[in-house]
Amino acid sequence: MKKILIISALSLLPLSQVNAQGCSVCTKTAQGLDSKSARGLNGGILYLAFLPLGIMGTLGFLWWRHNKS
């Protein structure tokens, strides 16, 4: 089981570097926007982040509740 987890983690490691370049593009775009558009961009980022964070939080809570007893 540990071997599968290590292989999975190592295979996903390069993906974080590929996705990280999008942050600099968003930063450059946000610098050229007025405050209303920048707030809209930030709101969109939070909207897109809510679903995966909510799923992970729910699974974590259920796991914690199951292992509490």
Protein backbone atom coordinates (compact mmCIF):
# COMPACT_ATOMS: atom_id res chain seq x y z
CA MET A 1 0.00 0.00 0.00
CA LYS A 2 2.81 2.41 0.86
CA LYS A 3 4.45 1.69 -2.48
CA ILE A 4 1.29 2.66 -4.37
CA LEU A 5 0.98 5.91 -2.40
CA ILE A 6 4.61 6.84 -3.02
CA ILE A 7 4.31 6.12 -6.74
CA SER A 8 1.09 8.16 -6.93
CA ALA A 9 2.66 11.10 -5.11
CA LEU A 10 5.76 11.06 -7.30
CA SER A 11 3.70 10.86 -10.49
CA LEU A 12 1.63 13.90 -9.48
CA LEU A 13 4.62 15.98 -8.41
CA PRO A 14 5.50 17.36 -11.89
CA LEU A 15 1.88 18.49 -12.41
CA SER A 16 2.16 21.11 -9.67
CA GLN A 17 4.96 22.88 -11.54
CA VAL A 18 2.94 22.96 -14.77
CA ASN A 19 -0.13 24.43 -13.06
CA ALA A 20 1.86 26.95 -11.03
CA GLN A 21 2.63 29.08 -14.07
CA GLY A 22 -1.03 30.11 -14.28
CA CYS A 23 -0.67 32.11 -11.08
CA SER A 24 1.77 34.55 -12.67
CA VAL A 25 -0.60 35.04 -15.60
CA CYS A 26 -3.47 35.84 -13.22
CA THR A 27 -1.26 38.25 -11.29
CA LYS A 28 -0.21 40.12 -14.44
CA THR A 29 -3.85 40.25 -15.59
CA ALA A 30 -5.10 41.49 -12.22
CA GLN A 31 -2.50 44.25 -12.10
CA GLY A 32 -3.94 45.78 -15.25
CA LEU A 33 -7.57 45.69 -14.05
CA ASP A 34 -9.53 48.29 -12.15
CA SER A 35 -10.69 47.47 -8.61
CA LYS A 36 -14.16 46.25 -9.65
CA SER A 37 -12.80 43.80 -12.20
CA ALA A 38 -10.09 42.62 -9.80
CA ARG A 39 -12.74 41.91 -7.16
CA GLY A 40 -14.68 39.94 -9.77
CA LEU A 41 -11.57 37.92 -10.61
CA ASN A 42 -10.97 37.18 -6.92
CA GLY A 43 -14.62 36.19 -6.49
CA GLY A 44 -14.36 33.81 -9.44
CA ILE A 45 -11.26 32.19 -7.99
CA LEU A 46 -13.03 31.67 -4.65
CA TYR A 47 -16.10 30.31 -6.44
CA LEU A 48 -14.01 27.76 -8.33
CA ALA A 49 -12.10 26.78 -5.17
CA PHE A 50 -15.23 26.26 -3.05
CA LEU A 51 -16.34 22.91 -4.51
CA PRO A 52 -13.05 20.97 -4.14
CA LEU A 53 -12.40 22.48 -0.70
CA GLY A 54 -15.94 21.67 0.38
CA ILE A 55 -15.60 18.07 -0.78
CA MET A 56 -12.25 17.65 0.98
CA GLY A 57 -13.61 19.24 4.15
CA THR A 58 -16.67 17.01 4.15
CA LEU A 59 -14.60 13.87 3.61
CA GLY A 60 -12.17 14.95 6.33
CA PHE A 61 -15.01 15.58 8.76
CA LEU A 62 -16.62 12.23 8.01
CA TRP A 63 -13.27 10.47 8.41
CA TRP A 64 -12.64 12.26 11.73
CA ARG A 65 -16.14 11.45 12.99
CA HIS A 66 -15.78 7.79 12.01
CA ASN A 67 -12.37 7.42 13.73
CA LYS A 68 -13.39 9.39 16.83
CA SER A 69 -15.06 6.39 18.47
